[in-house]
Amino acid sequence: MDNINKKPEILKNQENEVVIVMVPFPAQSHLNQLLQLSCIFTSSSYNLPVYFVGSATHNHQARVRANALNPSDIAKIHFHDIPTPDFDSPAPDPNAFSKFPAQLIPSYNACTRLREPIALLLGELSTKSRRVVVVHDVLMSYNVQDVCSLHNAESYVFNSVSVFFMYCSFVCIPNGLPIPFDEDLLEKVPKLEADAPDEINKIVDFQLQYKDIRAGDLYNSNKVLEGTVTVRLDFLPSLELPFSMENVSYLVKSSLKGSLEVTGKVVAM
């Protein structure tokens, strides 16, 4: 049975607890990644309490579409349903030039109205827990900004795109650098085409304004697939980019008490 909307009093020894609050962006590829990370935290290896915050519809979607996850780990997650604002729900356009699911844009815009209920939950948890660690999708930065008002809480941005994309987009292209990989490999990489509507770019730009409140960043990477790129992430701080891999180590050491393994400053999930 899912732990849905249970109050913070379920926590035992609250004064010694570190509570994890997951705030995903309401799109399946984003929901699933934070659900996977949630299961790592709730597993028997770490046994940390986790609150997964979203609308009832999206929380249900995350659960029923879960795959290759331990059901017992999912059962320990506290799915916290928050009210869904009213928004238009147009039908998909089968003749649209872009394959981007533009019919979901109204629901993405409605996310900006979730700040207050999220702030209420964080405030309640902060009074019953020693420390509150918020892990949120970068596209939910506006919604978690009230974490700054809590003395025992901090937030971390979860980057859902590949490290390869981050490296190319924030290191190579802005600095006029070539992508330092074998030509044979680069020929197999599809070209990056801008297929997102302008509305999505506006949402991204708006949310990024509030990213600076974070204490660090998390990257969903795999050494088998991105080993070469994850090593190159060590160059990011020296290029004065808006994130630092050193902050990931800080998350592990000061907030989660070593509950995640860190290899080369990259959190492997």
C-alpha atoms as a PDB file:
ATOM      1  CA  MET A   1       0.000   0.000   0.000  1.00  0.00           C
ATOM      2  CA  ASP A   2       1.366   3.420  -0.930  1.00  0.00           C
ATOM      3  CA  ASN A   3       2.171   5.918   1.774  1.00  0.00           C
ATOM      4  CA  ILE A   4       0.154   8.810   0.388  1.00  0.00           C
ATOM      5  CA  ASN A   5      -0.249  12.144   2.160  1.00  0.00           C
ATOM      6  CA  LYS A   6       0.848  10.810   5.538  1.00  0.00           C
ATOM      7  CA  LYS A   7       1.720  13.542   8.002  1.00  0.00           C
ATOM      8  CA  PRO A   8       5.278  14.123   9.232  1.00  0.00           C
ATOM      9  CA  GLU A   9       4.411  12.585  12.599  1.00  0.00           C
ATOM     10  CA  ILE A  10       5.080   9.179  11.066  1.00  0.00           C
ATOM     11  CA  LEU A  11       8.776   9.929  11.451  1.00  0.00           C
ATOM     12  CA  LYS A  12      10.491   8.301  14.382  1.00  0.00           C
ATOM     13  CA  ASN A  13      13.164  10.080  16.389  1.00  0.00           C
ATOM     14  CA  GLN A  14      12.404  13.217  14.437  1.00  0.00           C
ATOM     15  CA  GLU A  15      15.142  15.250  16.058  1.00  0.00           C
ATOM     16  CA  ASN A  16      17.705  12.924  14.465  1.00  0.00           C
ATOM     17  CA  GLU A  17      16.068  12.534  11.067  1.00  0.00           C
ATOM     18  CA  VAL A  18      17.225  13.788   7.683  1.00  0.00           C
ATOM     19  CA  VAL A  19      14.155  14.070   5.472  1.00  0.00           C
ATOM     20  CA  ILE A  20      14.404  14.057   1.683  1.00  0.00           C
ATOM     21  CA  VAL A  21      11.781  15.983  -0.293  1.00  0.00           C
ATOM     22  CA  MET A  22      11.616  15.235  -4.017  1.00  0.00           C
ATOM     23  CA  VAL A  23      10.024  17.875  -6.256  1.00  0.00           C
ATOM     24  CA  PRO A  24       9.874  16.556  -9.841  1.00  0.00           C
ATOM     25  CA  PHE A  25       8.801  18.364 -12.983  1.00  0.00           C
ATOM     26  CA  PRO A  26       5.450  16.856 -14.125  1.00  0.00           C
ATOM     27  CA  ALA A  27       6.646  15.059 -17.246  1.00  0.00           C
ATOM     28  CA  GLN A  28       7.202  11.309 -17.357  1.00  0.00           C
ATOM     29  CA  SER A  29      10.920  11.320 -18.153  1.00  0.00           C
ATOM     30  CA  HIS A  30      11.461  13.730 -15.245  1.00  0.00           C
ATOM     31  CA  LEU A  31       9.128  11.943 -12.810  1.00  0.00           C
ATOM     32  CA  ASN A  32      10.749   8.565 -13.405  1.00  0.00           C
ATOM     33  CA  GLN A  33      14.291   9.739 -12.757  1.00  0.00           C
ATOM     34  CA  LEU A  34      13.448  11.245  -9.374  1.00  0.00           C
ATOM     35  CA  LEU A  35      11.410   8.161  -8.496  1.00  0.00           C
ATOM     36  CA  GLN A  36      14.495   6.049  -9.172  1.00  0.00           C
ATOM     37  CA  LEU A  37      16.594   8.291  -6.935  1.00  0.00           C
ATOM     38  CA  SER A  38      13.874   8.150  -4.266  1.00  0.00           C
ATOM     39  CA  CYS A  39      14.092   4.360  -4.258  1.00  0.00           C
ATOM     40  CA  ILE A  40      17.834   4.560  -3.658  1.00  0.00           C
ATOM     41  CA  PHE A  41      17.229   6.726  -0.607  1.00  0.00           C
ATOM     42  CA  THR A  42      14.444   4.484   0.789  1.00  0.00           C
ATOM     43  CA  SER A  43      16.308   1.229   0.107  1.00  0.00           C
ATOM     44  CA  SER A  44      17.643  -0.866   2.962  1.00  0.00           C
ATOM     45  CA  SER A  45      21.122   0.508   2.217  1.00  0.00           C
ATOM     46  CA  TYR A  46      20.152   4.023   3.376  1.00  0.00           C
ATOM     47  CA  ASN A  47      16.603   3.835   4.756  1.00  0.00           C
ATOM     48  CA  LEU A  48      15.972   7.574   4.552  1.00  0.00           C
ATOM     49  CA  PRO A  49      12.430   9.005   4.676  1.00  0.00           C
ATOM     50  CA  VAL A  50      11.409  10.463   1.320  1.00  0.00           C
ATOM     51  CA  TYR A  51       8.473  12.693   0.367  1.00  0.00           C
ATOM     52  CA  PHE A  52       7.585  12.713  -3.340  1.00  0.00           C
ATOM     53  CA  VAL A  53       5.654  15.918  -4.039  1.00  0.00           C
ATOM     54  CA  GLY A  54       3.280  16.396  -6.941  1.00  0.00           C
ATOM     55  CA  SER A  55      -0.324  16.382  -8.066  1.00  0.00           C
ATOM     56  CA  ALA A  56      -2.352  13.240  -7.398  1.00  0.00           C
ATOM     57  CA  THR A  57      -2.396  12.521 -11.133  1.00  0.00           C
ATOM     58  CA  HIS A  58       1.358  12.758 -11.588  1.00  0.00           C
ATOM     59  CA  ASN A  59       2.163  10.866  -8.392  1.00  0.00           C
ATOM     60  CA  HIS A  60      -0.125   8.084  -9.575  1.00  0.00           C
ATOM     61  CA  GLN A  61       1.511   8.190 -13.003  1.00  0.00           C
ATOM     62  CA  ALA A  62       4.964   7.854 -11.478  1.00  0.00           C
ATOM     63  CA  ARG A  63       3.923   4.786  -9.481  1.00  0.00           C
ATOM     64  CA  VAL A  64       2.048   2.875 -12.167  1.00  0.00           C
ATOM     65  CA  ARG A  65       4.711   3.464 -14.816  1.00  0.00           C
ATOM     66  CA  ALA A  66       7.607   2.453 -12.564  1.00  0.00           C
ATOM     67  CA  ASN A  67       9.730  -0.354 -13.930  1.00  0.00           C
ATOM     68  CA  ALA A  68      12.766  -2.289 -12.732  1.00  0.00           C
ATOM     69  CA  LEU A  69      12.333  -0.820  -9.232  1.00  0.00           C
ATOM     70  CA  ASN A  70      11.889  -2.711  -5.988  1.00  0.00           C
ATOM     71  CA  PRO A  71       8.192  -2.476  -4.996  1.00  0.00           C
ATOM     72  CA  SER A  72       9.156  -2.439  -1.323  1.00  0.00           C
ATOM     73  CA  ASP A  73      11.323   0.653  -1.913  1.00  0.00           C
ATOM     74  CA  ILE A  74       8.450   2.419  -3.690  1.00  0.00           C
ATOM     75  CA  ALA A  75       6.068   1.476  -0.865  1.00  0.00           C
ATOM     76  CA  LYS A  76       8.234   3.349   1.626  1.00  0.00           C
ATOM     77  CA  ILE A  77       7.984   6.624  -0.310  1.00  0.00           C
ATOM     78  CA  HIS A  78       5.490   9.142   1.083  1.00  0.00           C
ATOM     79  CA  PHE A  79       3.642  10.423  -1.985  1.00  0.00           C
ATOM     80  CA  HIS A  80       2.364  13.846  -1.027  1.00  0.00           C
ATOM     81  CA  ASP A  81      -0.486  14.969  -3.278  1.00  0.00           C
ATOM     82  CA  ILE A  82      -0.931  18.709  -3.685  1.00  0.00           C
ATOM     83  CA  PRO A  83      -3.944  20.431  -5.268  1.00  0.00           C
ATOM     84  CA  THR A  84      -3.848  20.745  -9.031  1.00  0.00           C
ATOM     85  CA  PRO A  85      -4.564  24.237 -10.411  1.00  0.00           C
ATOM     86  CA  ASP A  86      -7.100  24.499 -13.207  1.00  0.00           C
ATOM     87  CA  PHE A  87      -5.564  24.649 -16.673  1.00  0.00           C
ATOM     88  CA  ASP A  88      -6.510  24.013 -20.290  1.00  0.00           C
ATOM     89  CA  SER A  89      -6.001  20.498 -21.609  1.00  0.00           C
ATOM     90  CA  PRO A  90      -6.055  20.606 -25.412  1.00  0.00           C
ATOM     91  CA  ALA A  91      -5.931  17.452 -27.491  1.00  0.00           C
ATOM     92  CA  PRO A  92      -2.647  16.537 -29.237  1.00  0.00           C
ATOM     93  CA  ASP A  93      -2.235  17.835 -32.757  1.00  0.00           C
ATOM     94  CA  PRO A  94      -1.371  14.843 -34.973  1.00  0.00           C
ATOM     95  CA  ASN A  95      -0.405  17.197 -37.811  1.00  0.00           C
ATOM     96  CA  ALA A  96       1.966  19.375 -35.802  1.00  0.00           C
ATOM     97  CA  PHE A  97       5.339  20.020 -37.435  1.00  0.00           C
ATOM     98  CA  SER A  98       7.190  19.474 -34.161  1.00  0.00           C
ATOM     99  CA  LYS A  99       6.991  16.211 -32.265  1.00  0.00           C
ATOM    100  CA  PHE A 100       7.158  18.096 -28.980  1.00  0.00           C
ATOM    101  CA  PRO A 101       3.992  17.392 -26.896  1.00  0.00           C
ATOM    102  CA  ALA A 102       2.816  21.009 -26.993  1.00  0.00           C
ATOM    103  CA  GLN A 103      -0.564  20.011 -25.542  1.00  0.00           C
ATOM    104  CA  LEU A 104       1.160  19.662 -22.165  1.00  0.00           C
ATOM    105  CA  ILE A 105       2.416  23.243 -22.039  1.00  0.00           C
ATOM    106  CA  PRO A 106      -0.621  24.530 -20.075  1.00  0.00           C
ATOM    107  CA  SER A 107       0.086  21.974 -17.349  1.00  0.00           C
ATOM    108  CA  TYR A 108       3.730  23.061 -17.255  1.00  0.00           C
ATOM    109  CA  ASN A 109       2.695  26.695 -16.839  1.00  0.00           C
ATOM    110  CA  ALA A 110       0.325  25.697 -14.026  1.00  0.00           C
ATOM    111  CA  CYS A 111       3.324  24.425 -12.050  1.00  0.00           C
ATOM    112  CA  THR A 112       4.206  27.964 -11.050  1.00  0.00           C
ATOM    113  CA  ARG A 113       1.104  27.962  -8.835  1.00  0.00           C
ATOM    114  CA  LEU A 114       2.433  25.111  -6.690  1.00  0.00           C
ATOM    115  CA  ARG A 115       4.865  27.248  -4.706  1.00  0.00           C
ATOM    116  CA  GLU A 116       2.553  27.838  -1.738  1.00  0.00           C
ATOM    117  CA  PRO A 117       1.548  24.203  -1.018  1.00  0.00           C
ATOM    118  CA  ILE A 118       5.174  23.113  -1.380  1.00  0.00           C
ATOM    119  CA  ALA A 119       6.268  25.838   1.032  1.00  0.00           C
ATOM    120  CA  LEU A 120       3.649  24.692   3.552  1.00  0.00           C
ATOM    121  CA  LEU A 121       4.921  21.122   3.430  1.00  0.00           C
ATOM    122  CA  LEU A 122       8.558  22.188   3.791  1.00  0.00           C
ATOM    123  CA  GLY A 123       7.676  24.401   6.745  1.00  0.00           C
ATOM    124  CA  GLU A 124       5.848  21.583   8.499  1.00  0.00           C
ATOM    125  CA  LEU A 125       8.635  19.086   7.895  1.00  0.00           C
ATOM    126  CA  SER A 126      11.289  21.535   9.081  1.00  0.00           C
ATOM    127  CA  THR A 127       9.616  21.762  12.506  1.00  0.00           C
ATOM    128  CA  LYS A 128       9.601  17.987  12.925  1.00  0.00           C
ATOM    129  CA  SER A 129      12.970  17.064  11.416  1.00  0.00           C
ATOM    130  CA  ARG A 130      16.566  17.864  12.183  1.00  0.00           C
ATOM    131  CA  ARG A 131      17.328  18.560   8.526  1.00  0.00           C
ATOM    132  CA  VAL A 132      15.297  18.856   5.335  1.00  0.00           C
ATOM    133  CA  VAL A 133      17.045  18.193   2.023  1.00  0.00           C
ATOM    134  CA  VAL A 134      15.071  19.222  -1.064  1.00  0.00           C
ATOM    135  CA  VAL A 135      16.031  17.598  -4.370  1.00  0.00           C
ATOM    136  CA  HIS A 136      14.174  19.312  -7.177  1.00  0.00           C
ATOM    137  CA  ASP A 137      14.103  19.309 -10.924  1.00  0.00           C
ATOM    138  CA  VAL A 138      15.801  22.369 -12.346  1.00  0.00           C
ATOM    139  CA  LEU A 139      12.433  23.262 -13.920  1.00  0.00           C
ATOM    140  CA  MET A 140      10.867  23.490 -10.459  1.00  0.00           C
ATOM    141  CA  SER A 141      13.343  26.018  -9.052  1.00  0.00           C
ATOM    142  CA  TYR A 142      10.737  28.768  -8.644  1.00  0.00           C
ATOM    143  CA  ASN A 143       8.495  26.472  -6.629  1.00  0.00           C
ATOM    144  CA  VAL A 144      11.055  25.607  -3.935  1.00  0.00           C
ATOM    145  CA  GLN A 145      12.521  29.070  -3.371  1.00  0.00           C
ATOM    146  CA  ASP A 146      10.980  29.296   0.116  1.00  0.00           C
ATOM    147  CA  VAL A 147      13.534  26.765   1.321  1.00  0.00           C
ATOM    148  CA  CYS A 148      15.761  29.808   1.926  1.00  0.00           C
ATOM    149  CA  SER A 149      13.519  30.879   4.790  1.00  0.00           C
ATOM    150  CA  LEU A 150      14.099  27.653   6.741  1.00  0.00           C
ATOM    151  CA  HIS A 151      17.144  27.426   8.993  1.00  0.00           C
ATOM    152  CA  ASN A 152      17.508  23.648   8.669  1.00  0.00           C
ATOM    153  CA  ALA A 153      16.750  23.141   4.980  1.00  0.00           C
ATOM    154  CA  GLU A 154      18.683  23.320   1.740  1.00  0.00           C
ATOM    155  CA  SER A 155      17.940  22.487  -1.876  1.00  0.00           C
ATOM    156  CA  TYR A 156      19.801  20.669  -4.642  1.00  0.00           C
ATOM    157  CA  VAL A 157      19.102  20.841  -8.357  1.00  0.00           C
ATOM    158  CA  PHE A 158      18.615  17.541 -10.150  1.00  0.00           C
ATOM    159  CA  ASN A 159      19.725  17.760 -13.776  1.00  0.00           C
ATOM    160  CA  SER A 160      17.732  15.265 -15.811  1.00  0.00           C
ATOM    161  CA  VAL A 161      19.578  15.639 -19.118  1.00  0.00           C
ATOM    162  CA  SER A 162      22.729  13.666 -19.895  1.00  0.00           C
ATOM    163  CA  VAL A 163      26.141  14.806 -18.734  1.00  0.00           C
ATOM    164  CA  PHE A 164      27.227  14.668 -22.377  1.00  0.00           C
ATOM    165  CA  PHE A 165      24.570  17.264 -23.212  1.00  0.00           C
ATOM    166  CA  MET A 166      25.609  19.436 -20.272  1.00  0.00           C
ATOM    167  CA  TYR A 167      29.266  19.308 -21.267  1.00  0.00           C
ATOM    168  CA  CYS A 168      28.605  20.147 -24.901  1.00  0.00           C
ATOM    169  CA  SER A 169      26.022  22.845 -24.147  1.00  0.00           C
ATOM    170  CA  PHE A 170      27.764  24.635 -21.257  1.00  0.00           C
ATOM    171  CA  VAL A 171      31.441  24.055 -21.998  1.00  0.00           C
ATOM    172  CA  CYS A 172      32.177  23.433 -25.647  1.00  0.00           C
ATOM    173  CA  ILE A 173      29.605  25.504 -27.534  1.00  0.00           C
ATOM    174  CA  PRO A 174      29.621  28.700 -25.369  1.00  0.00           C
ATOM    175  CA  ASN A 175      33.411  28.773 -25.296  1.00  0.00           C
ATOM    176  CA  GLY A 176      33.908  27.979 -28.992  1.00  0.00           C
ATOM    177  CA  LEU A 177      35.653  24.718 -28.163  1.00  0.00           C
ATOM    178  CA  PRO A 178      35.523  21.565 -30.272  1.00  0.00           C
ATOM    179  CA  ILE A 179      33.880  18.531 -28.720  1.00  0.00           C
ATOM    180  CA  PRO A 180      36.982  16.474 -27.803  1.00  0.00           C
ATOM    181  CA  PHE A 181      35.843  13.014 -28.829  1.00  0.00           C
ATOM    182  CA  ASP A 182      36.720  10.651 -31.647  1.00  0.00           C
ATOM    183  CA  GLU A 183      35.312  11.641 -35.028  1.00  0.00           C
ATOM    184  CA  ASP A 184      33.754   8.197 -35.434  1.00  0.00           C
ATOM    185  CA  LEU A 185      31.799   8.724 -32.229  1.00  0.00           C
ATOM    186  CA  LEU A 186      30.725  12.247 -33.117  1.00  0.00           C
ATOM    187  CA  GLU A 187      29.375  11.081 -36.483  1.00  0.00           C
ATOM    188  CA  LYS A 188      26.997   8.757 -34.639  1.00  0.00           C
ATOM    189  CA  VAL A 189      25.660  11.505 -32.398  1.00  0.00           C
ATOM    190  CA  PRO A 190      22.451  13.040 -33.791  1.00  0.00           C
ATOM    191  CA  LYS A 191      22.530  16.757 -34.458  1.00  0.00           C
ATOM    192  CA  LEU A 192      20.930  18.939 -31.823  1.00  0.00           C
ATOM    193  CA  GLU A 193      17.866  20.514 -33.357  1.00  0.00           C
ATOM    194  CA  ALA A 194      15.769  23.143 -31.624  1.00  0.00           C
ATOM    195  CA  ASP A 195      12.323  21.519 -31.658  1.00  0.00           C
ATOM    196  CA  ALA A 196      10.942  22.959 -28.411  1.00  0.00           C
ATOM    197  CA  PRO A 197       8.300  25.696 -28.799  1.00  0.00           C
ATOM    198  CA  ASP A 198       9.078  29.205 -27.639  1.00  0.00           C
ATOM    199  CA  GLU A 199       6.717  28.664 -24.705  1.00  0.00           C
ATOM    200  CA  ILE A 200       9.042  25.984 -23.347  1.00  0.00           C
ATOM    201  CA  ASN A 201      12.074  28.236 -23.682  1.00  0.00           C
ATOM    202  CA  LYS A 202      10.214  30.887 -21.706  1.00  0.00           C
ATOM    203  CA  ILE A 203       9.418  28.362 -18.954  1.00  0.00           C
ATOM    204  CA  VAL A 204      13.075  27.316 -18.784  1.00  0.00           C
ATOM    205  CA  ASP A 205      14.317  30.907 -18.668  1.00  0.00           C
ATOM    206  CA  PHE A 206      11.830  31.762 -15.925  1.00  0.00           C
ATOM    207  CA  GLN A 207      12.761  28.788 -13.731  1.00  0.00           C
ATOM    208  CA  LEU A 208      16.503  29.304 -14.142  1.00  0.00           C
ATOM    209  CA  GLN A 209      16.198  32.718 -12.489  1.00  0.00           C
ATOM    210  CA  TYR A 210      15.683  30.928  -9.165  1.00  0.00           C
ATOM    211  CA  LYS A 211      18.360  28.259  -9.485  1.00  0.00           C
ATOM    212  CA  ASP A 212      20.982  30.190  -7.523  1.00  0.00           C
ATOM    213  CA  ILE A 213      19.354  29.320  -4.199  1.00  0.00           C
ATOM    214  CA  ARG A 214      20.646  25.768  -4.519  1.00  0.00           C
ATOM    215  CA  ALA A 215      23.427  24.338  -2.389  1.00  0.00           C
ATOM    216  CA  GLY A 216      24.612  21.985  -5.144  1.00  0.00           C
ATOM    217  CA  ASP A 217      23.802  19.911  -8.201  1.00  0.00           C
ATOM    218  CA  LEU A 218      23.069  16.256  -8.897  1.00  0.00           C
ATOM    219  CA  TYR A 219      23.751  14.594 -12.234  1.00  0.00           C
ATOM    220  CA  ASN A 220      22.089  11.398 -13.383  1.00  0.00           C
ATOM    221  CA  SER A 221      25.029   9.738 -15.073  1.00  0.00           C
ATOM    222  CA  ASN A 222      26.402   6.292 -15.827  1.00  0.00           C
ATOM    223  CA  LYS A 223      30.128   5.627 -16.047  1.00  0.00           C
ATOM    224  CA  VAL A 224      29.604   2.857 -18.606  1.00  0.00           C
ATOM    225  CA  LEU A 225      27.827   5.221 -21.003  1.00  0.00           C
ATOM    226  CA  GLU A 226      29.442   8.542 -20.137  1.00  0.00           C
ATOM    227  CA  GLY A 227      32.720   7.663 -18.465  1.00  0.00           C
ATOM    228  CA  THR A 228      34.818   9.990 -20.620  1.00  0.00           C
ATOM    229  CA  VAL A 229      32.404  12.869 -20.192  1.00  0.00           C
ATOM    230  CA  THR A 230      32.013  12.506 -16.425  1.00  0.00           C
ATOM    231  CA  VAL A 231      35.770  12.822 -16.017  1.00  0.00           C
ATOM    232  CA  ARG A 232      35.679  16.049 -18.043  1.00  0.00           C
ATOM    233  CA  LEU A 233      33.105  17.501 -15.663  1.00  0.00           C
ATOM    234  CA  ASP A 234      36.005  18.371 -13.392  1.00  0.00           C
ATOM    235  CA  PHE A 235      36.655  21.273 -15.780  1.00  0.00           C
ATOM    236  CA  LEU A 236      33.276  22.874 -15.114  1.00  0.00           C
ATOM    237  CA  PRO A 237      34.167  24.970 -12.040  1.00  0.00           C
ATOM    238  CA  SER A 238      37.285  26.391 -13.718  1.00  0.00           C
ATOM    239  CA  LEU A 239      35.114  27.710 -16.547  1.00  0.00           C
ATOM    240  CA  GLU A 240      32.904  29.574 -14.081  1.00  0.00           C
ATOM    241  CA  LEU A 241      29.746  27.763 -15.066  1.00  0.00           C
ATOM    242  CA  PRO A 242      26.624  28.051 -12.892  1.00  0.00           C
ATOM    243  CA  PHE A 243      27.253  24.790 -11.081  1.00  0.00           C
ATOM    244  CA  SER A 244      30.095  23.046  -9.263  1.00  0.00           C
ATOM    245  CA  MET A 245      30.721  19.344  -8.866  1.00  0.00           C
ATOM    246  CA  GLU A 246      32.326  20.085  -5.496  1.00  0.00           C
ATOM    247  CA  ASN A 247      28.866  20.903  -4.200  1.00  0.00           C
ATOM    248  CA  VAL A 248      27.803  17.326  -4.876  1.00  0.00           C
ATOM    249  CA  SER A 249      30.445  16.110  -2.453  1.00  0.00           C
ATOM    250  CA  TYR A 250      29.118  18.667   0.030  1.00  0.00           C
ATOM    251  CA  LEU A 251      25.653  17.180  -0.288  1.00  0.00           C
ATOM    252  CA  VAL A 252      26.944  13.744   0.586  1.00  0.00           C
ATOM    253  CA  LYS A 253      29.198  14.765   3.455  1.00  0.00           C
ATOM    254  CA  SER A 254      27.207  17.412   5.271  1.00  0.00           C
ATOM    255  CA  SER A 255      23.587  16.542   4.554  1.00  0.00           C
ATOM    256  CA  LEU A 256      23.311  12.831   3.898  1.00  0.00           C
ATOM    257  CA  LYS A 257      26.207  11.697   6.060  1.00  0.00           C
ATOM    258  CA  GLY A 258      27.950   9.704   3.351  1.00  0.00           C
ATOM    259  CA  SER A 259      24.844   7.857   2.236  1.00  0.00           C
ATOM    260  CA  LEU A 260      25.748   8.123  -1.458  1.00  0.00           C
ATOM    261  CA  GLU A 261      28.902   6.927  -3.138  1.00  0.00           C
ATOM    262  CA  VAL A 262      30.723   9.552  -5.121  1.00  0.00           C
ATOM    263  CA  THR A 263      33.162   8.619  -7.847  1.00  0.00           C
ATOM    264  CA  GLY A 264      35.254  11.412  -9.267  1.00  0.00           C
ATOM    265  CA  LYS A 265      32.834  13.972  -7.806  1.00  0.00           C
ATOM    266  CA  VAL A 266      29.999  12.557  -9.962  1.00  0.00           C
ATOM    267  CA  VAL A 267      27.030  10.979  -8.231  1.00  0.00           C
ATOM    268  CA  ALA A 268      26.255   7.656  -9.931  1.00  0.00           C
ATOM    269  CA  MET A 269      22.642   6.531  -9.771  1.00  0.00           C
END
